Amino acid sequence: MSLPLLVRGELRDCLVDWLTCLFHRHLSLSEETEMLVIGLTDRFLQKQAVAPDRLKNLGIAAIHIMAKYEEVVSPSLLLLSNIANVPPQDILDMETLVLSVLDYRLSDIVTVNQWLCLLMELARPSDVVLPASYPSLVKYLGFLALSDHGLACQRPSLLAASALYLSNSLCKARPWDL
């Protein structure tokens, strides 16, 4: 059972948009890390309310946590502090809060991207030649679903399955060819 986010949807959308801009303009981190950051943020917001003026701290702390978890070389605390114009100690304080609220359970996060990769292998239509852009379409729809605050409480597996179903429908493949 999903819990509601304890922050207004518009604020969550602003945070996700801002994080996406950071990933694409300032940080050279993987797409998987970006999805992990959004997943971690959503999991935290399901358990703990955050004041609107501290959402930036949450986003930067989530980047700091998940980059150390996923990337070979993670951005330094000083770099993140400069990019976000947030004092390093505030980032560390929020990081401590996030980890304690989530009981240090980071390996539970399975992203939409991981589900999409699995489902694309399992549900590949056998009788239809798919366009070369098919994987990009599937991932785009998955990320679009992840970015929507109305879908933030849904399981990543459901978002991935929906993205795959819609992609197959758009590409005129049978939606489920198992």
N, C-alpha and C. Protein backbone atom coordinates (compact mmCIF):
# COMPACT_ATOMS: atom_id res chain seq x y z
N MET A 1 0.83 -1.17 0.00
CA MET A 1 0.00 0.00 0.00
C MET A 1 0.88 1.24 0.00
N SER A 2 0.57 2.18 -0.86
CA SER A 2 1.34 3.40 -0.97
C SER A 2 0.83 4.44 0.02
N LEU A 3 1.74 5.24 0.50
CA LEU A 3 1.40 6.34 1.38
C LEU A 3 1.37 7.62 0.57
N PRO A 4 0.55 8.59 0.94
CA PRO A 4 0.54 9.84 0.21
C PRO A 4 1.81 10.65 0.50
N LEU A 5 2.19 11.46 -0.45
CA LEU A 5 3.32 12.36 -0.23
C LEU A 5 2.89 13.43 0.77
N LEU A 6 3.77 13.76 1.68
CA LEU A 6 3.47 14.75 2.70
C LEU A 6 3.91 16.16 2.28
N VAL A 7 3.83 16.43 1.00
CA VAL A 7 4.13 17.76 0.48
C VAL A 7 3.22 17.97 -0.73
N ARG A 8 2.82 19.21 -0.99
CA ARG A 8 1.92 19.48 -2.10
C ARG A 8 2.56 19.03 -3.42
N GLY A 9 1.73 18.54 -4.31
CA GLY A 9 2.21 18.03 -5.58
C GLY A 9 3.00 19.02 -6.40
N GLU A 10 2.56 20.28 -6.38
CA GLU A 10 3.24 21.30 -7.17
C GLU A 10 4.67 21.51 -6.66
N LEU A 11 4.84 21.46 -5.35
CA LEU A 11 6.18 21.63 -4.79
C LEU A 11 7.07 20.45 -5.16
N ARG A 12 6.50 19.26 -5.12
CA ARG A 12 7.27 18.07 -5.51
C ARG A 12 7.66 18.16 -6.98
N ASP A 13 6.73 18.62 -7.82
CA ASP A 13 7.04 18.78 -9.24
C ASP A 13 8.16 19.79 -9.46
N CYS A 14 8.12 20.89 -8.72
CA CYS A 14 9.20 21.89 -8.83
C CYS A 14 10.53 21.29 -8.42
N LEU A 15 10.52 20.50 -7.35
CA LEU A 15 11.76 19.86 -6.90
C LEU A 15 12.29 18.90 -7.96
N VAL A 16 11.43 18.08 -8.54
CA VAL A 16 11.86 17.12 -9.56
C VAL A 16 12.38 17.86 -10.79
N ASP A 17 11.70 18.93 -11.20
CA ASP A 17 12.17 19.72 -12.34
C ASP A 17 13.54 20.32 -12.06
N TRP A 18 13.71 20.86 -10.86
CA TRP A 18 14.98 21.45 -10.48
C TRP A 18 16.09 20.40 -10.45
N LEU A 19 15.78 19.22 -9.89
CA LEU A 19 16.78 18.14 -9.87
C LEU A 19 17.15 17.71 -11.29
N THR A 20 16.16 17.62 -12.15
CA THR A 20 16.42 17.23 -13.54
C THR A 20 17.33 18.26 -14.21
N CYS A 21 17.08 19.53 -13.97
CA CYS A 21 17.95 20.58 -14.52
C CYS A 21 19.38 20.44 -13.99
N LEU A 22 19.51 20.18 -12.70
CA LEU A 22 20.84 19.98 -12.13
C LEU A 22 21.56 18.82 -12.80
N PHE A 23 20.86 17.72 -12.99
CA PHE A 23 21.48 16.54 -13.59
C PHE A 23 21.94 16.83 -15.01
N HIS A 24 21.16 17.58 -15.75
CA HIS A 24 21.48 17.79 -17.15
C HIS A 24 22.42 18.97 -17.40
N ARG A 25 22.44 19.94 -16.50
CA ARG A 25 23.28 21.12 -16.71
C ARG A 25 24.59 21.09 -15.95
N HIS A 26 24.58 20.55 -14.74
CA HIS A 26 25.75 20.70 -13.87
C HIS A 26 26.42 19.39 -13.47
N LEU A 27 25.69 18.31 -13.50
CA LEU A 27 26.24 17.04 -13.01
C LEU A 27 26.31 16.04 -14.14
N SER A 28 27.36 15.28 -14.18
CA SER A 28 27.46 14.23 -15.20
C SER A 28 27.28 12.88 -14.51
N LEU A 29 26.06 12.68 -14.03
CA LEU A 29 25.72 11.44 -13.35
C LEU A 29 24.79 10.62 -14.24
N SER A 30 24.67 9.36 -13.94
CA SER A 30 23.89 8.46 -14.79
C SER A 30 22.39 8.70 -14.64
N GLU A 31 21.66 8.26 -15.65
CA GLU A 31 20.20 8.31 -15.63
C GLU A 31 19.66 7.49 -14.46
N GLU A 32 20.31 6.39 -14.17
CA GLU A 32 19.90 5.54 -13.05
C GLU A 32 20.02 6.29 -11.73
N THR A 33 21.08 7.06 -11.56
CA THR A 33 21.25 7.84 -10.33
C THR A 33 20.14 8.88 -10.22
N GLU A 34 19.78 9.49 -11.33
CA GLU A 34 18.69 10.47 -11.32
C GLU A 34 17.39 9.83 -10.86
N MET A 35 17.09 8.66 -11.37
CA MET A 35 15.87 7.97 -10.96
C MET A 35 15.94 7.52 -9.50
N LEU A 36 17.12 7.11 -9.06
CA LEU A 36 17.28 6.74 -7.65
C LEU A 36 17.08 7.95 -6.74
N VAL A 37 17.56 9.11 -7.17
CA VAL A 37 17.39 10.33 -6.38
C VAL A 37 15.90 10.67 -6.24
N ILE A 38 15.18 10.59 -7.34
CA ILE A 38 13.74 10.88 -7.30
C ILE A 38 13.02 9.84 -6.44
N GLY A 39 13.40 8.57 -6.58
CA GLY A 39 12.79 7.53 -5.76
C GLY A 39 13.07 7.72 -4.28
N LEU A 40 14.30 8.07 -3.95
CA LEU A 40 14.66 8.31 -2.55
C LEU A 40 13.89 9.51 -2.00
N THR A 41 13.79 10.56 -2.78
CA THR A 41 13.05 11.74 -2.37
C THR A 41 11.58 11.40 -2.10
N ASP A 42 10.97 10.65 -3.01
CA ASP A 42 9.57 10.27 -2.83
C ASP A 42 9.38 9.39 -1.60
N ARG A 43 10.28 8.44 -1.40
CA ARG A 43 10.17 7.58 -0.22
C ARG A 43 10.27 8.39 1.06
N PHE A 44 11.18 9.35 1.08
CA PHE A 44 11.32 10.20 2.26
C PHE A 44 10.06 11.04 2.48
N LEU A 45 9.54 11.63 1.40
CA LEU A 45 8.36 12.49 1.52
C LEU A 45 7.10 11.71 1.90
N GLN A 46 7.11 10.40 1.71
CA GLN A 46 5.98 9.59 2.16
C GLN A 46 6.00 9.37 3.66
N LYS A 47 7.16 9.58 4.27
CA LYS A 47 7.29 9.34 5.70
C LYS A 47 7.49 10.59 6.54
N GLN A 48 7.95 11.67 5.92
CA GLN A 48 8.33 12.86 6.68
C GLN A 48 7.93 14.10 5.90
N ALA A 49 7.25 15.01 6.57
CA ALA A 49 6.93 16.30 5.96
C ALA A 49 8.18 17.18 5.95
N VAL A 50 8.30 17.99 4.92
CA VAL A 50 9.44 18.89 4.78
C VAL A 50 8.91 20.29 4.47
N ALA A 51 9.45 21.26 5.15
CA ALA A 51 9.07 22.64 4.87
C ALA A 51 9.49 22.99 3.45
N PRO A 52 8.66 23.78 2.75
CA PRO A 52 8.99 24.12 1.36
C PRO A 52 10.38 24.73 1.18
N ASP A 53 10.84 25.51 2.15
CA ASP A 53 12.15 26.13 2.01
C ASP A 53 13.30 25.15 2.24
N ARG A 54 12.98 23.92 2.65
CA ARG A 54 14.03 22.91 2.87
C ARG A 54 14.00 21.82 1.79
N LEU A 55 13.13 21.95 0.80
CA LEU A 55 13.08 20.95 -0.27
C LEU A 55 14.38 20.92 -1.07
N LYS A 56 14.99 22.07 -1.28
CA LYS A 56 16.26 22.12 -2.00
C LYS A 56 17.32 21.31 -1.24
N ASN A 57 17.33 21.45 0.09
CA ASN A 57 18.27 20.67 0.90
C ASN A 57 18.01 19.17 0.74
N LEU A 58 16.73 18.81 0.71
CA LEU A 58 16.38 17.39 0.52
C LEU A 58 16.89 16.88 -0.82
N GLY A 59 16.68 17.65 -1.88
CA GLY A 59 17.12 17.23 -3.21
C GLY A 59 18.63 17.06 -3.29
N ILE A 60 19.36 18.03 -2.75
CA ILE A 60 20.82 17.95 -2.79
C ILE A 60 21.32 16.81 -1.92
N ALA A 61 20.71 16.61 -0.75
CA ALA A 61 21.10 15.50 0.11
C ALA A 61 20.84 14.16 -0.58
N ALA A 62 19.71 14.07 -1.29
CA ALA A 62 19.40 12.83 -2.02
C ALA A 62 20.43 12.57 -3.12
N ILE A 63 20.86 13.63 -3.81
CA ILE A 63 21.92 13.47 -4.82
C ILE A 63 23.20 12.99 -4.15
N HIS A 64 23.54 13.60 -3.03
CA HIS A 64 24.77 13.24 -2.32
C HIS A 64 24.74 11.78 -1.87
N ILE A 65 23.61 11.34 -1.37
CA ILE A 65 23.47 9.95 -0.90
C ILE A 65 23.55 8.98 -2.08
N MET A 66 22.71 9.20 -3.09
CA MET A 66 22.59 8.22 -4.17
C MET A 66 23.79 8.23 -5.10
N ALA A 67 24.47 9.35 -5.24
CA ALA A 67 25.69 9.37 -6.06
C ALA A 67 26.77 8.54 -5.40
N LYS A 68 26.85 8.62 -4.07
CA LYS A 68 27.83 7.77 -3.36
C LYS A 68 27.45 6.30 -3.47
N TYR A 69 26.16 6.03 -3.57
CA TYR A 69 25.66 4.66 -3.63
C TYR A 69 25.83 4.06 -5.03
N GLU A 70 25.63 4.86 -6.07
CA GLU A 70 25.53 4.34 -7.43
C GLU A 70 26.74 4.64 -8.31
N GLU A 71 27.34 5.81 -8.17
CA GLU A 71 28.38 6.26 -9.09
C GLU A 71 29.77 5.79 -8.65
N VAL A 72 30.66 5.68 -9.62
CA VAL A 72 32.06 5.37 -9.32
C VAL A 72 32.73 6.58 -8.69
N VAL A 73 32.49 7.75 -9.28
CA VAL A 73 33.02 9.00 -8.74
C VAL A 73 31.82 9.91 -8.49
N SER A 74 31.60 10.23 -7.23
CA SER A 74 30.46 11.08 -6.89
C SER A 74 30.91 12.53 -6.74
N PRO A 75 29.98 13.46 -6.97
CA PRO A 75 30.34 14.87 -6.81
C PRO A 75 30.65 15.19 -5.35
N SER A 76 31.56 16.10 -5.15
CA SER A 76 31.95 16.46 -3.78
C SER A 76 30.84 17.26 -3.11
N LEU A 77 30.89 17.25 -1.80
CA LEU A 77 29.94 18.02 -1.01
C LEU A 77 30.08 19.51 -1.33
N LEU A 78 31.29 19.96 -1.52
CA LEU A 78 31.52 21.38 -1.82
C LEU A 78 30.92 21.76 -3.18
N LEU A 79 31.06 20.89 -4.18
CA LEU A 79 30.47 21.16 -5.49
C LEU A 79 28.96 21.26 -5.38
N LEU A 80 28.34 20.29 -4.71
CA LEU A 80 26.88 20.31 -4.55
C LEU A 80 26.44 21.54 -3.78
N SER A 81 27.21 21.91 -2.77
CA SER A 81 26.90 23.09 -1.98
C SER A 81 26.94 24.35 -2.84
N ASN A 82 27.95 24.46 -3.69
CA ASN A 82 28.08 25.62 -4.57
C ASN A 82 26.98 25.66 -5.63
N ILE A 83 26.65 24.52 -6.21
CA ILE A 83 25.61 24.47 -7.24
C ILE A 83 24.27 24.90 -6.68
N ALA A 84 23.95 24.41 -5.48
CA ALA A 84 22.63 24.67 -4.90
C ALA A 84 22.59 25.89 -4.00
N ASN A 85 23.77 26.47 -3.72
CA ASN A 85 23.85 27.61 -2.81
C ASN A 85 23.26 27.26 -1.44
N VAL A 86 23.69 26.10 -0.96
CA VAL A 86 23.25 25.58 0.35
C VAL A 86 24.51 25.29 1.17
N PRO A 87 24.55 25.69 2.43
CA PRO A 87 25.73 25.38 3.25
C PRO A 87 25.97 23.87 3.36
N PRO A 88 27.22 23.44 3.30
CA PRO A 88 27.52 22.00 3.39
C PRO A 88 26.94 21.33 4.63
N GLN A 89 26.93 22.03 5.76
CA GLN A 89 26.41 21.43 6.98
C GLN A 89 24.91 21.16 6.87
N ASP A 90 24.18 22.02 6.16
CA ASP A 90 22.74 21.79 5.95
C ASP A 90 22.51 20.54 5.12
N ILE A 91 23.37 20.32 4.13
CA ILE A 91 23.26 19.10 3.31
C ILE A 91 23.52 17.87 4.17
N LEU A 92 24.56 17.94 4.98
CA LEU A 92 24.88 16.79 5.85
C LEU A 92 23.79 16.54 6.88
N ASP A 93 23.20 17.60 7.42
CA ASP A 93 22.11 17.43 8.38
C ASP A 93 20.90 16.77 7.72
N MET A 94 20.57 17.21 6.50
CA MET A 94 19.44 16.60 5.79
C MET A 94 19.76 15.17 5.41
N GLU A 95 21.00 14.91 5.02
CA GLU A 95 21.40 13.54 4.69
C GLU A 95 21.22 12.63 5.90
N THR A 96 21.62 13.09 7.06
CA THR A 96 21.45 12.30 8.29
C THR A 96 19.97 12.05 8.57
N LEU A 97 19.14 13.08 8.39
CA LEU A 97 17.71 12.93 8.61
C LEU A 97 17.10 11.92 7.64
N VAL A 98 17.45 12.04 6.36
CA VAL A 98 16.91 11.12 5.34
C VAL A 98 17.28 9.68 5.67
N LEU A 99 18.54 9.46 5.96
CA LEU A 99 18.99 8.09 6.24
C LEU A 99 18.33 7.53 7.50
N SER A 100 18.16 8.36 8.51
CA SER A 100 17.54 7.85 9.73
C SER A 100 16.04 7.59 9.54
N VAL A 101 15.34 8.48 8.82
CA VAL A 101 13.91 8.26 8.57
C VAL A 101 13.69 7.00 7.74
N LEU A 102 14.58 6.75 6.78
CA LEU A 102 14.45 5.56 5.93
C LEU A 102 15.14 4.34 6.54
N ASP A 103 15.63 4.50 7.76
CA ASP A 103 16.26 3.40 8.49
C ASP A 103 17.44 2.81 7.72
N TYR A 104 18.15 3.67 6.99
CA TYR A 104 19.35 3.30 6.22
C TYR A 104 19.06 2.22 5.17
N ARG A 105 17.83 2.10 4.74
CA ARG A 105 17.46 1.07 3.76
C ARG A 105 17.46 1.68 2.37
N LEU A 106 18.60 1.66 1.73
CA LEU A 106 18.73 2.20 0.38
C LEU A 106 18.61 1.13 -0.68
N SER A 107 18.92 -0.09 -0.34
CA SER A 107 18.90 -1.15 -1.35
C SER A 107 17.48 -1.58 -1.69
N ASP A 108 16.48 -1.08 -0.97
CA ASP A 108 15.09 -1.39 -1.28
C ASP A 108 14.58 -0.64 -2.50
N ILE A 109 15.31 0.36 -2.92
CA ILE A 109 14.85 1.21 -4.02
C ILE A 109 15.11 0.49 -5.35
N VAL A 110 14.03 0.13 -6.01
CA VAL A 110 14.11 -0.42 -7.37
C VAL A 110 13.44 0.62 -8.25
N THR A 111 14.17 1.13 -9.20
CA THR A 111 13.68 2.25 -9.99
C THR A 111 12.81 1.81 -11.16
N VAL A 112 12.11 2.79 -11.71
CA VAL A 112 11.32 2.57 -12.91
C VAL A 112 12.24 2.08 -14.03
N ASN A 113 13.44 2.63 -14.10
CA ASN A 113 14.39 2.25 -15.14
C ASN A 113 14.76 0.77 -15.05
N GLN A 114 15.00 0.28 -13.84
CA GLN A 114 15.33 -1.13 -13.66
C GLN A 114 14.17 -2.02 -14.07
N TRP A 115 12.95 -1.63 -13.71
CA TRP A 115 11.77 -2.39 -14.13
C TRP A 115 11.60 -2.35 -15.65
N LEU A 116 11.85 -1.18 -16.25
CA LEU A 116 11.70 -1.08 -17.70
C LEU A 116 12.66 -2.01 -18.43
N CYS A 117 13.90 -2.05 -17.98
CA CYS A 117 14.88 -2.94 -18.61
C CYS A 117 14.42 -4.39 -18.52
N LEU A 118 13.94 -4.78 -17.36
CA LEU A 118 13.47 -6.16 -17.18
C LEU A 118 12.25 -6.45 -18.03
N LEU A 119 11.27 -5.56 -17.98
CA LEU A 119 10.03 -5.80 -18.73
C LEU A 119 10.23 -5.74 -20.24
N MET A 120 11.15 -4.88 -20.71
CA MET A 120 11.41 -4.83 -22.15
C MET A 120 11.99 -6.15 -22.64
N GLU A 121 12.79 -6.80 -21.81
CA GLU A 121 13.32 -8.12 -22.18
C GLU A 121 12.24 -9.19 -22.17
N LEU A 122 11.38 -9.13 -21.16
CA LEU A 122 10.35 -10.17 -21.01
C LEU A 122 9.19 -10.00 -21.98
N ALA A 123 8.83 -8.79 -22.30
CA ALA A 123 7.61 -8.54 -23.08
C ALA A 123 7.90 -8.03 -24.48
N ARG A 124 9.03 -8.41 -25.03
CA ARG A 124 9.37 -7.97 -26.38
C ARG A 124 8.44 -8.66 -27.38
N PRO A 125 7.70 -7.89 -28.18
CA PRO A 125 6.83 -8.51 -29.17
C PRO A 125 7.65 -9.30 -30.20
N SER A 126 7.24 -10.52 -30.48
CA SER A 126 8.03 -11.38 -31.36
C SER A 126 7.66 -11.21 -32.84
N ASP A 127 6.46 -10.76 -33.12
CA ASP A 127 6.00 -10.70 -34.51
C ASP A 127 6.00 -9.29 -35.09
N VAL A 128 6.53 -8.33 -34.37
CA VAL A 128 6.50 -6.95 -34.83
C VAL A 128 7.93 -6.40 -34.80
N VAL A 129 8.29 -5.73 -35.88
CA VAL A 129 9.59 -5.06 -35.91
C VAL A 129 9.38 -3.67 -35.30
N LEU A 130 10.06 -3.45 -34.20
CA LEU A 130 9.90 -2.18 -33.50
C LEU A 130 10.91 -1.17 -34.02
N PRO A 131 10.55 0.12 -34.00
CA PRO A 131 11.50 1.14 -34.46
C PRO A 131 12.72 1.22 -33.53
N ALA A 132 13.79 1.73 -34.07
CA ALA A 132 15.03 1.84 -33.28
C ALA A 132 14.83 2.76 -32.08
N SER A 133 13.87 3.66 -32.16
CA SER A 133 13.63 4.61 -31.06
C SER A 133 12.76 4.01 -29.96
N TYR A 134 12.34 2.76 -30.10
CA TYR A 134 11.44 2.13 -29.13
C TYR A 134 11.98 2.18 -27.69
N PRO A 135 13.23 1.77 -27.43
CA PRO A 135 13.72 1.85 -26.04
C PRO A 135 13.71 3.27 -25.48
N SER A 136 14.01 4.24 -26.33
CA SER A 136 13.98 5.64 -25.88
C SER A 136 12.57 6.09 -25.55
N LEU A 137 11.60 5.65 -26.34
CA LEU A 137 10.20 5.98 -26.07
C LEU A 137 9.75 5.38 -24.75
N VAL A 138 10.10 4.12 -24.52
CA VAL A 138 9.72 3.44 -23.28
C VAL A 138 10.32 4.17 -22.09
N LYS A 139 11.60 4.49 -22.16
CA LYS A 139 12.26 5.19 -21.05
C LYS A 139 11.71 6.59 -20.85
N TYR A 140 11.41 7.27 -21.95
CA TYR A 140 10.83 8.61 -21.84
C TYR A 140 9.49 8.56 -21.12
N LEU A 141 8.64 7.62 -21.51
CA LEU A 141 7.33 7.51 -20.86
C LEU A 141 7.47 7.11 -19.39
N GLY A 142 8.44 6.27 -19.10
CA GLY A 142 8.69 5.91 -17.71
C GLY A 142 9.14 7.10 -16.89
N PHE A 143 10.03 7.91 -17.44
CA PHE A 143 10.50 9.09 -16.73
C PHE A 143 9.39 10.13 -16.61
N LEU A 144 8.56 10.25 -17.64
CA LEU A 144 7.44 11.17 -17.60
C LEU A 144 6.48 10.79 -16.46
N ALA A 145 6.21 9.50 -16.33
CA ALA A 145 5.35 9.04 -15.24
C ALA A 145 5.99 9.31 -13.88
N LEU A 146 7.29 9.11 -13.79
CA LEU A 146 8.01 9.33 -12.54
C LEU A 146 8.00 10.81 -12.15
N SER A 147 7.96 11.67 -13.14
CA SER A 147 7.99 13.11 -12.88
C SER A 147 6.65 13.68 -12.43
N ASP A 148 5.58 12.94 -12.59
CA ASP A 148 4.25 13.43 -12.27
C ASP A 148 3.91 13.18 -10.81
N HIS A 149 3.55 14.24 -10.08
CA HIS A 149 3.27 14.07 -8.65
C HIS A 149 2.05 13.20 -8.39
N GLY A 150 1.12 13.15 -9.34
CA GLY A 150 -0.06 12.30 -9.16
C GLY A 150 0.28 10.82 -9.19
N LEU A 151 1.40 10.48 -9.79
CA LEU A 151 1.82 9.08 -9.87
C LEU A 151 2.95 8.74 -8.91
N ALA A 152 3.38 9.70 -8.11
CA ALA A 152 4.54 9.51 -7.23
C ALA A 152 4.32 8.41 -6.19
N CYS A 153 3.08 8.13 -5.85
CA CYS A 153 2.80 7.11 -4.84
C CYS A 153 2.65 5.72 -5.44
N GLN A 154 2.71 5.61 -6.75
CA GLN A 154 2.55 4.30 -7.39
C GLN A 154 3.86 3.53 -7.37
N ARG A 155 3.72 2.22 -7.39
CA ARG A 155 4.91 1.37 -7.40
C ARG A 155 5.66 1.54 -8.73
N PRO A 156 6.99 1.55 -8.68
CA PRO A 156 7.77 1.68 -9.93
C PRO A 156 7.45 0.58 -10.94
N SER A 157 7.11 -0.61 -10.47
CA SER A 157 6.77 -1.70 -11.40
C SER A 157 5.51 -1.37 -12.18
N LEU A 158 4.54 -0.74 -11.54
CA LEU A 158 3.31 -0.35 -12.22
C LEU A 158 3.56 0.77 -13.23
N LEU A 159 4.39 1.73 -12.86
CA LEU A 159 4.74 2.81 -13.79
C LEU A 159 5.47 2.25 -15.01
N ALA A 160 6.39 1.32 -14.77
CA ALA A 160 7.14 0.73 -15.87
C ALA A 160 6.23 -0.09 -16.78
N ALA A 161 5.35 -0.87 -16.19
CA ALA A 161 4.43 -1.69 -16.98
C ALA A 161 3.50 -0.79 -17.81
N SER A 162 3.06 0.30 -17.24
CA SER A 162 2.20 1.24 -17.97
C SER A 162 2.95 1.88 -19.13
N ALA A 163 4.19 2.27 -18.89
CA ALA A 163 5.00 2.88 -19.95
C ALA A 163 5.23 1.88 -21.09
N LEU A 164 5.50 0.64 -20.73
CA LEU A 164 5.71 -0.39 -21.75
C LEU A 164 4.43 -0.65 -22.54
N TYR A 165 3.32 -0.73 -21.85
CA TYR A 165 2.03 -0.96 -22.50
C TYR A 165 1.71 0.16 -23.49
N LEU A 166 1.89 1.41 -23.05
CA LEU A 166 1.62 2.54 -23.93
C LEU A 166 2.59 2.57 -25.11
N SER A 167 3.85 2.27 -24.87
CA SER A 167 4.83 2.24 -25.96
C SER A 167 4.48 1.18 -26.99
N ASN A 168 4.11 0.01 -26.51
CA ASN A 168 3.72 -1.06 -27.44
C ASN A 168 2.48 -0.66 -28.23
N SER A 169 1.54 -0.02 -27.58
CA SER A 169 0.33 0.44 -28.28
C SER A 169 0.67 1.49 -29.33
N LEU A 170 1.52 2.43 -28.98
CA LEU A 170 1.91 3.49 -29.92
C LEU A 170 2.69 2.93 -31.12
N CYS A 171 3.46 1.88 -30.88
CA CYS A 171 4.26 1.28 -31.96
C CYS A 171 3.49 0.19 -32.70
N LYS A 172 2.20 0.07 -32.42
CA LYS A 172 1.32 -0.90 -33.08
C LYS A 172 1.73 -2.35 -32.80
N ALA A 173 2.41 -2.56 -31.69
CA ALA A 173 2.73 -3.92 -31.27
C ALA A 173 1.59 -4.39 -30.39
N ARG A 174 1.40 -5.68 -30.31
CA ARG A 174 0.42 -6.17 -29.36
C ARG A 174 0.89 -5.76 -27.97
N PRO A 175 0.01 -5.16 -27.18
CA PRO A 175 0.45 -4.62 -25.89
C PRO A 175 1.17 -5.64 -25.00
N TRP A 176 0.70 -6.85 -24.94
CA TRP A 176 1.36 -7.85 -24.10
C TRP A 176 1.52 -9.12 -24.93
N ASP A 177 2.72 -9.37 -25.33
CA ASP A 177 3.01 -10.55 -26.14
C ASP A 177 3.88 -11.50 -25.30
N LEU A 178 3.26 -12.13 -24.35
CA LEU A 178 4.02 -13.04 -23.48
C LEU A 178 3.72 -14.47 -23.82
